[in-house]
């Protein structure tokens, strides 16, 4: 089907098929069709999201060798490339939250490696919820868990969870796809909001693989969608495997927005300017460890702060509201 016909379907609010998604992803990045595509994604974003921009902040709680052994992650047990092992105390995390400009963020994510104690995480979550503005969503970004833990997360004050089936899960990671899917089901059954992402995208991934994850997100009716390019972290298996271009990531973000049709936000990771022309209205500010970084303080290296991300969205003429 021609690009114009597919975009017409999207404009009418019709669901795009896997074939539609793959066709859009095959758009030549240097063609006039590319601009048709990002214009359609941008128009949908501005209309559906009401021109609102959102900042999500994330705090990495620990840096330990992780048994998930993701081949692209700086924290994998088989090639741990972060300087030192560390774990933030509950008091440290609470202090960081108190220091944050939380009046500019929509959601706060707490991230750990897969083996982090779930009970300890719940304790930290309760403490953070106690000092965090009630209007700020609290989101868990942790390893796999069952429905009982999902319910406990909700009882501890979490509003949602970030969880995905990574590209080539079980091949480039040592985590079975079935285990990831079981956690997705636990999240939705417990009534937690699911935050999804197609990641980590590298040059080796096919457009069919990307389309499958976009459709998975749609099946779970996600309202907060994202795409993320893989970073060639030094010391990992993919250090010298190349990365996709920002232009390619921009196209993928546009397609994900049209195919998944999230109701609240479309994100690109890490924060970049170009995708803001293609329907992206949400960015992350990060503190602490980051799986795409070898620094224990990503805010001093790859990561961007809250003010920087607010400025990026405002430069794209999105409205990032400040709570009173």
Foldseek 3Di string as FASTA:
>chain_A
DDLVVLLVCLVVVHADDLVSLQVLLPDDLPDPSLVVLLQSLQVLLCVLQVLAFAEEEEEEFWQAAACQQQLQFCRHNVFNQADDTDGDALVRVLVVLVVALLLQHQEYEYEYGAPPDLVRVLVSLLSNQVPHDLRHAYEYEYHFDALVSLLSNVVSRHQAYEAFQEQVRCNSTVDDSVRRVNRLVSRVVNNHAYAYEHDQDAPPDRSSSLSVRLVVLLVSQHQHYEYEYGALAPRGPSVPVHIDDPSSQLSSQLSSCSNSVHNHAYAYPADDQPNLSRSHRYHYAYAADDRNDNYRGCCVPVGPHPVVNVVSNVVSVRHRDGDD
